[in-house]
């Protein structure tokens, strides 16, 4: 009989959302049943004990390196209308530093990126990818959250602009290569701690069971998702729809296949990835060796040739091609509510409130 985790990360992926509250316990049970060389592994007495054991083996890489063109444009438009002023409206500041309503501490305001950093706090060591502004991040985000241990990494822009989050992971590889797991998230999303921790425990449990899994993709259901995950007949991800990438399946997955999505419906990642660190290291090194063009940047087939970027999406697509990626559809759609312009702040705040309320509930 297939294990419950294999079912929920495969053919039974549609059942995962109803197991959102229990899946961490299921991962614990599977991990405690696992055998290594026919002998049982040391057992954990609770999810909290399991998570605490994984924390020293996990690096949490939060990408907080820029503002985004839509954000800068919306700030400029608001300033022209006389609606944006003060240091928070500086378009040079990372979008993640912009103040929004604080549902984490019950205060008045806290920067956008506080939600992403709070979601991974305690799950592993903090590795924050930046392009400056470290003092402001410390003072405005980390200090209010009580986060004192972190490492910053400044992403180099060899040709005038950063060349993608895959390149960022490659550049800072020496800071996470000793870990067993790497969690990546973005400083502008309404991340859920429950989703991230459950995904990490599931990945560790699957690997303890002997499964060669290099990536867990937390996902949520959407109507006509902009970045759909294409599933095969076994419910395994085989493509990731993205404007910068070529997909091997149509939008929404291979329509009509048992694991595929019906037209107009589908799953999408919510901006979080949980990798086996060795698998991530293997991939970032491979893309760098195969696709780096000195003096230009990356030349990755299927990517926008003018951008010369290397995205984590490329890593995901390769692991999916190898059959080493799994989708875990336990995330909530609210988690994918980034504030990429000032006009999206109210929606972000509503999503953040909903996610935080659930995360702190029993």
Protein backbone atom coordinates (compact mmCIF):
# COMPACT_ATOMS: atom_id res chain seq x y z
CA UNK A 1 0.00 0.00 0.00
CA UNK A 2 1.34 3.43 -0.96
CA UNK A 3 2.18 5.74 1.89
CA UNK A 4 -0.10 8.68 2.50
CA UNK A 5 2.69 11.15 1.67
CA UNK A 6 3.40 9.47 -1.65
CA UNK A 7 -0.29 9.66 -2.47
CA UNK A 8 -0.63 13.34 -1.54
CA UNK A 9 2.47 14.31 -3.55
CA UNK A 10 1.36 12.23 -6.54
CA UNK A 11 -1.92 10.85 -7.82
CA UNK A 12 -3.82 12.02 -4.76
CA UNK A 13 -2.58 15.61 -4.90
CA UNK A 14 -6.15 16.95 -4.97
CA UNK A 15 -6.68 15.56 -1.46
CA UNK A 16 -3.74 17.47 0.00
CA UNK A 17 -5.61 20.69 0.73
CA UNK A 18 -8.00 18.89 3.10
CA UNK A 19 -4.95 17.55 4.97
CA UNK A 20 -3.39 20.97 5.47
CA UNK A 21 -3.68 20.87 9.26
CA UNK A 22 -2.63 17.23 9.63
CA UNK A 23 0.11 16.79 7.07
CA UNK A 24 2.95 17.76 9.42
CA UNK A 25 1.82 14.98 11.77
CA UNK A 26 1.66 12.58 8.83
CA UNK A 27 5.21 13.52 7.83
CA UNK A 28 6.33 12.89 11.42
CA UNK A 29 4.68 9.46 11.44
CA UNK A 30 6.24 8.49 8.10
CA UNK A 31 9.67 9.72 9.24
CA UNK A 32 9.39 7.68 12.45
CA UNK A 33 8.48 4.56 10.44
CA UNK A 34 11.41 4.97 8.05
CA UNK A 35 14.32 2.56 8.10
CA UNK A 36 17.95 3.08 7.12
CA UNK A 37 19.69 -0.12 6.13
CA UNK A 38 16.84 -2.06 7.72
CA UNK A 39 17.26 -0.26 11.05
CA UNK A 40 14.88 2.38 12.45
CA UNK A 41 15.98 5.99 12.54
CA UNK A 42 15.89 7.91 15.83
CA UNK A 43 12.24 8.81 16.46
CA UNK A 44 10.87 12.28 17.21
CA UNK A 45 8.17 12.69 19.83
CA UNK A 46 6.34 15.64 18.26
CA UNK A 47 6.21 17.91 15.24
CA UNK A 48 7.95 20.60 17.28
CA UNK A 49 10.80 18.21 18.11
CA UNK A 50 11.05 17.15 14.46
CA UNK A 51 11.14 20.76 13.28
CA UNK A 52 13.76 21.67 15.88
CA UNK A 53 15.98 18.82 14.67
CA UNK A 54 15.75 20.05 11.06
CA UNK A 55 16.37 23.73 11.83
CA UNK A 56 20.19 23.46 12.15
CA UNK A 57 20.21 21.54 8.86
CA UNK A 58 18.15 24.12 6.95
CA UNK A 59 18.99 27.45 5.31
CA UNK A 60 16.18 29.92 4.60
CA UNK A 61 17.09 32.19 1.70
CA UNK A 62 14.85 35.26 1.48
CA UNK A 63 15.24 37.30 -1.68
CA UNK A 64 15.04 41.01 -0.89
CA UNK A 65 17.26 42.48 -3.57
CA UNK A 66 15.12 44.98 -5.42
CA UNK A 67 11.94 46.95 -5.97
CA UNK A 68 10.62 45.86 -9.34
CA UNK A 69 9.68 48.12 -12.22
CA UNK A 70 5.92 48.05 -11.48
CA UNK A 71 6.58 49.17 -7.92
CA UNK A 72 8.86 52.04 -8.93
CA UNK A 73 6.35 53.15 -11.58
CA UNK A 74 3.47 53.15 -9.08
CA UNK A 75 5.53 55.19 -6.60
CA UNK A 76 6.37 57.75 -9.27
CA UNK A 77 2.71 58.03 -10.28
CA UNK A 78 1.62 58.47 -6.65
CA UNK A 79 4.29 61.11 -6.08
CA UNK A 80 3.11 63.01 -9.16
CA UNK A 81 -0.39 63.06 -7.66
CA UNK A 82 1.00 64.25 -4.33
CA UNK A 83 -0.02 60.98 -2.66
CA UNK A 84 3.41 59.58 -1.77
CA UNK A 85 6.18 61.30 0.14
CA UNK A 86 8.76 60.62 2.81
CA UNK A 87 11.55 58.04 2.93
CA UNK A 88 9.20 55.08 2.42
CA UNK A 89 8.33 56.44 -1.04
CA UNK A 90 11.95 56.42 -2.22
CA UNK A 91 11.91 54.23 -5.36
CA UNK A 92 15.48 53.18 -4.63
CA UNK A 93 14.39 51.42 -1.44
CA UNK A 94 13.51 47.73 -1.69
CA UNK A 95 9.78 47.19 -2.00
CA UNK A 96 10.02 44.91 1.04
CA UNK A 97 10.74 47.93 3.26
CA UNK A 98 7.46 49.68 2.47
CA UNK A 99 5.26 49.87 5.61
CA UNK A 100 1.92 48.06 5.71
CA UNK A 101 -0.51 47.08 8.47
CA UNK A 102 1.07 44.98 11.21
CA UNK A 103 -0.82 41.77 12.00
CA UNK A 104 2.29 40.04 13.35
CA UNK A 105 2.78 42.06 16.54
CA UNK A 106 -0.43 44.02 16.71
CA UNK A 107 1.44 47.26 16.09
CA UNK A 108 0.60 49.99 13.62
CA UNK A 109 2.92 49.37 10.67
CA UNK A 110 5.64 46.94 9.66
CA UNK A 111 7.45 46.51 6.31
CA UNK A 112 6.07 44.17 3.68
CA UNK A 113 9.03 41.77 3.92
CA UNK A 114 8.43 41.20 7.63
CA UNK A 115 5.77 38.66 6.69
CA UNK A 116 8.16 36.58 4.60
CA UNK A 117 10.93 36.71 7.21
CA UNK A 118 8.59 35.91 10.09
CA UNK A 119 7.26 32.90 8.18
CA UNK A 120 10.69 31.24 8.08
CA UNK A 121 11.96 32.41 11.47
CA UNK A 122 13.09 29.38 13.47
CA UNK A 123 12.72 27.02 10.51
CA UNK A 124 16.39 27.46 9.59
CA UNK A 125 19.18 30.02 9.55
CA UNK A 126 18.32 33.34 7.88
CA UNK A 127 20.20 34.11 4.66
CA UNK A 128 18.95 37.38 3.16
CA UNK A 129 19.89 38.30 -0.41
CA UNK A 130 20.07 42.06 -0.79
CA UNK A 131 21.34 44.95 -2.88
CA UNK A 132 22.19 47.17 0.08
CA UNK A 133 19.87 48.61 2.77
CA UNK A 134 21.07 46.15 5.43
CA UNK A 135 20.90 48.72 8.25
CA UNK A 136 17.30 49.58 7.38
CA UNK A 137 16.33 45.91 7.18
CA UNK A 138 17.89 45.30 10.59
CA UNK A 139 16.21 48.31 12.19
CA UNK A 140 12.80 48.22 10.52
CA UNK A 141 12.16 44.48 10.11
CA UNK A 142 14.46 42.22 12.06
CA UNK A 143 14.67 44.14 15.33
CA UNK A 144 10.87 44.47 15.70
CA UNK A 145 10.55 40.73 15.02
CA UNK A 146 13.28 39.86 17.50
CA UNK A 147 15.48 38.29 14.82
CA UNK A 148 19.12 38.73 15.81
CA UNK A 149 20.93 36.02 13.84
CA UNK A 150 21.10 36.52 10.08
CA UNK A 151 23.58 36.62 7.25
CA UNK A 152 23.37 39.05 4.36
CA UNK A 153 24.57 38.39 0.86
CA UNK A 154 24.84 41.14 -1.73
CA UNK A 155 23.91 39.87 -5.18
CA UNK A 156 26.45 41.03 -7.70
CA UNK A 157 25.21 42.54 -10.95
CA UNK A 158 28.07 41.84 -13.35
CA UNK A 159 26.34 43.40 -16.36
CA UNK A 160 24.50 46.28 -14.72
CA UNK A 161 21.51 44.40 -13.29
CA UNK A 162 20.91 41.28 -11.20
CA UNK A 163 20.60 38.19 -13.38
CA UNK A 164 17.84 36.32 -11.58
CA UNK A 165 17.24 34.40 -8.38
CA UNK A 166 18.88 31.28 -9.77
CA UNK A 167 22.03 33.33 -10.20
CA UNK A 168 21.60 34.67 -6.65
CA UNK A 169 21.46 31.10 -5.32
CA UNK A 170 24.60 30.24 -7.31
CA UNK A 171 26.45 33.31 -6.07
CA UNK A 172 25.76 32.62 -2.38
CA UNK A 173 26.15 28.83 -2.59
CA UNK A 174 29.04 28.78 -0.11
CA UNK A 175 26.61 30.04 2.56
CA UNK A 176 24.18 27.14 2.17
CA UNK A 177 26.08 24.26 0.57
CA UNK A 178 26.63 22.64 3.99
CA UNK A 179 22.89 22.46 4.72
CA UNK A 180 20.62 19.53 3.98
CA UNK A 181 17.71 21.73 2.91
CA UNK A 182 17.21 25.19 1.42
CA UNK A 183 13.93 27.09 1.68
CA UNK A 184 13.58 30.03 -0.70
CA UNK A 185 11.00 32.78 -0.49
CA UNK A 186 10.49 36.36 -1.64
CA UNK A 187 10.28 39.48 0.47
CA UNK A 188 6.99 40.63 -1.09
CA UNK A 189 4.71 37.65 -0.47
CA UNK A 190 2.15 36.81 2.23
CA UNK A 191 3.94 33.61 3.20
CA UNK A 192 2.43 31.01 5.51
CA UNK A 193 4.62 29.41 8.15
CA UNK A 194 2.31 26.38 8.19
CA UNK A 195 2.81 25.83 4.46
CA UNK A 196 6.59 26.22 4.62
CA UNK A 197 7.20 24.04 7.67
CA UNK A 198 4.85 21.30 6.47
CA UNK A 199 6.58 21.24 3.08
CA UNK A 200 10.00 20.93 4.71
CA UNK A 201 8.87 18.05 6.93
CA UNK A 202 7.29 16.27 3.96
CA UNK A 203 10.50 16.57 1.93
CA UNK A 204 12.60 15.20 4.79
CA UNK A 205 10.16 12.34 5.39
CA UNK A 206 10.08 11.37 1.71
CA UNK A 207 13.86 11.34 1.58
CA UNK A 208 14.01 9.26 4.78
CA UNK A 209 11.70 6.79 3.02
CA UNK A 210 14.27 6.47 0.23
CA UNK A 211 12.54 8.70 -2.33
CA UNK A 212 14.90 10.64 -4.61
CA UNK A 213 13.12 13.98 -4.24
CA UNK A 214 15.05 17.20 -4.75
CA UNK A 215 12.20 19.72 -4.58
CA UNK A 216 8.83 20.22 -2.94
CA UNK A 217 6.70 22.89 -4.61
CA UNK A 218 3.97 24.19 -2.28
CA UNK A 219 0.99 25.00 -4.49
CA UNK A 220 -2.57 26.30 -4.34
CA UNK A 221 -5.53 25.93 -6.72
CA UNK A 222 -6.45 28.85 -8.97
CA UNK A 223 -8.81 29.63 -11.80
CA UNK A 224 -6.66 30.11 -14.92
CA UNK A 225 -3.33 30.47 -13.04
CA UNK A 226 -0.78 32.74 -14.67
CA UNK A 227 2.04 30.30 -13.87
CA UNK A 228 0.44 26.84 -14.00
CA UNK A 229 2.10 23.61 -12.96
CA UNK A 230 1.78 20.89 -15.60
CA UNK A 231 1.21 17.43 -14.07
CA UNK A 232 1.65 14.01 -15.65
CA UNK A 233 -0.65 11.01 -15.24
CA UNK A 234 1.00 10.18 -11.90
CA UNK A 235 0.39 13.67 -10.54
CA UNK A 236 4.05 14.60 -10.75
CA UNK A 237 5.05 18.09 -11.95
CA UNK A 238 6.60 18.01 -15.39
CA UNK A 239 6.45 21.66 -16.41
CA UNK A 240 6.08 25.11 -14.90
CA UNK A 241 4.27 27.68 -17.00
CA UNK A 242 6.26 30.89 -16.97
CA UNK A 243 6.65 33.71 -19.47
CA UNK A 244 10.42 33.26 -19.38
CA UNK A 245 10.38 29.49 -19.76
CA UNK A 246 9.29 26.99 -22.35
CA UNK A 247 6.74 24.50 -21.06
CA UNK A 248 6.37 20.98 -22.39
CA UNK A 249 2.62 20.97 -21.66
CA UNK A 250 -0.15 23.43 -22.46
CA UNK A 251 -1.35 25.94 -19.87
CA UNK A 252 -3.00 24.13 -16.95
CA UNK A 253 -1.22 20.83 -17.56
CA UNK A 254 -1.81 18.05 -20.10
CA UNK A 255 -5.57 18.40 -20.42
CA UNK A 256 -7.32 15.05 -20.24
CA UNK A 257 -4.48 13.20 -18.52
CA UNK A 258 -5.48 11.69 -15.15
CA UNK A 259 -3.12 14.01 -13.27
CA UNK A 260 -3.73 17.03 -15.47
CA UNK A 261 -5.81 20.11 -14.78
CA UNK A 262 -9.16 20.73 -16.49
CA UNK A 263 -9.30 23.77 -18.76
CA UNK A 264 -9.35 26.99 -16.76
CA UNK A 265 -8.36 25.31 -13.51
CA UNK A 266 -4.92 24.56 -12.22
CA UNK A 267 -2.27 24.80 -9.55
CA UNK A 268 0.44 27.38 -9.11
CA UNK A 269 3.39 27.77 -6.78
CA UNK A 270 2.95 30.41 -4.06
CA UNK A 271 6.49 31.82 -4.22
CA UNK A 272 8.08 29.27 -1.87
CA UNK A 273 10.37 26.38 -2.76
CA UNK A 274 11.87 23.71 -0.51
CA UNK A 275 14.97 22.06 -1.97
CA UNK A 276 17.32 19.32 -1.01
CA UNK A 277 20.51 21.39 -0.76
CA UNK A 278 22.63 18.86 -2.72
CA UNK A 279 20.05 18.85 -5.54
CA UNK A 280 19.97 22.65 -5.65
CA UNK A 281 23.77 22.85 -5.63
CA UNK A 282 24.02 20.32 -8.44
CA UNK A 283 21.61 22.33 -10.56
CA UNK A 284 22.99 25.83 -10.01
CA UNK A 285 26.49 24.60 -10.78
CA UNK A 286 25.27 22.79 -13.88
CA UNK A 287 23.44 25.83 -15.27
CA UNK A 288 26.43 28.04 -14.58
CA UNK A 289 28.82 25.65 -16.33
CA UNK A 290 26.55 25.02 -19.32
CA UNK A 291 24.85 28.36 -19.87
CA UNK A 292 27.11 31.17 -18.68
CA UNK A 293 28.46 33.37 -21.48
CA UNK A 294 31.29 35.61 -20.36
CA UNK A 295 30.56 39.27 -20.99
CA UNK A 296 26.83 38.66 -21.55
CA UNK A 297 25.24 36.54 -18.82
CA UNK A 298 23.18 33.38 -19.11
CA UNK A 299 21.99 31.85 -22.37
CA UNK A 300 19.42 29.30 -21.18
CA UNK A 301 17.23 27.75 -23.89
CA UNK A 302 13.64 28.91 -23.45
CA UNK A 303 14.46 31.96 -21.34
CA UNK A 304 14.02 35.50 -22.59
CA UNK A 305 17.23 35.87 -24.62
CA UNK A 306 17.43 39.59 -23.94
CA UNK A 307 17.35 39.16 -20.16
CA UNK A 308 20.35 36.80 -19.84
CA UNK A 309 18.86 35.62 -16.54
CA UNK A 310 18.96 32.37 -14.61
CA UNK A 311 15.81 31.75 -12.55
CA UNK A 312 15.00 29.25 -9.86
CA UNK A 313 12.22 28.30 -12.26
CA UNK A 314 14.95 26.80 -14.46
CA UNK A 315 16.12 24.63 -11.57
CA UNK A 316 12.54 23.56 -10.89
CA UNK A 317 11.96 22.67 -14.54
CA UNK A 318 15.09 20.53 -14.68
CA UNK A 319 14.28 18.68 -11.45
CA UNK A 320 10.75 18.12 -12.78
CA UNK A 321 12.17 16.76 -16.04
CA UNK A 322 14.23 14.32 -14.01
CA UNK A 323 11.19 13.24 -12.00
CA UNK A 324 12.71 14.60 -8.79
CA UNK A 325 10.11 17.31 -8.06
CA UNK A 326 6.85 16.90 -6.16
CA UNK A 327 3.90 19.25 -5.80
CA UNK A 328 2.29 19.60 -2.38
CA UNK A 329 -1.05 21.33 -2.89
CA UNK A 330 -1.60 22.43 0.72
CA UNK A 331 -1.11 26.17 0.19
CA UNK A 332 -3.90 28.74 0.23
CA UNK A 333 -4.49 31.09 -2.72
CA UNK A 334 -4.07 34.09 -0.38
CA UNK A 335 -0.38 33.25 -0.08
CA UNK A 336 0.11 34.35 -3.68
CA UNK A 337 -0.90 37.99 -3.21
CA UNK A 338 2.27 40.01 -3.77
CA UNK A 339 2.18 43.79 -3.56
CA UNK A 340 3.94 44.68 -6.81
CA UNK A 341 2.37 48.14 -6.96
CA UNK A 342 0.90 50.58 -4.43
CA UNK A 343 -2.59 49.72 -5.63
CA UNK A 344 -2.11 46.11 -4.54
CA UNK A 345 -1.30 46.99 -0.91
CA UNK A 346 -4.90 46.55 0.37
CA UNK A 347 -5.15 43.07 -1.15
CA UNK A 348 -1.75 42.15 0.31
CA UNK A 349 -2.80 43.34 3.76
CA UNK A 350 -6.03 41.35 3.64
CA UNK A 351 -4.13 38.22 2.57
CA UNK A 352 -1.45 38.71 5.22
CA UNK A 353 -4.06 39.08 7.93
CA UNK A 354 -5.81 35.87 6.86
CA UNK A 355 -2.56 33.89 6.71
CA UNK A 356 -1.27 35.16 10.07
CA UNK A 357 -4.56 34.42 11.82
CA UNK A 358 -4.39 30.81 10.63
CA UNK A 359 -0.70 30.43 11.45
CA UNK A 360 -1.20 31.44 15.08
CA UNK A 361 -4.35 29.33 15.52
CA UNK A 362 -4.07 25.92 17.26
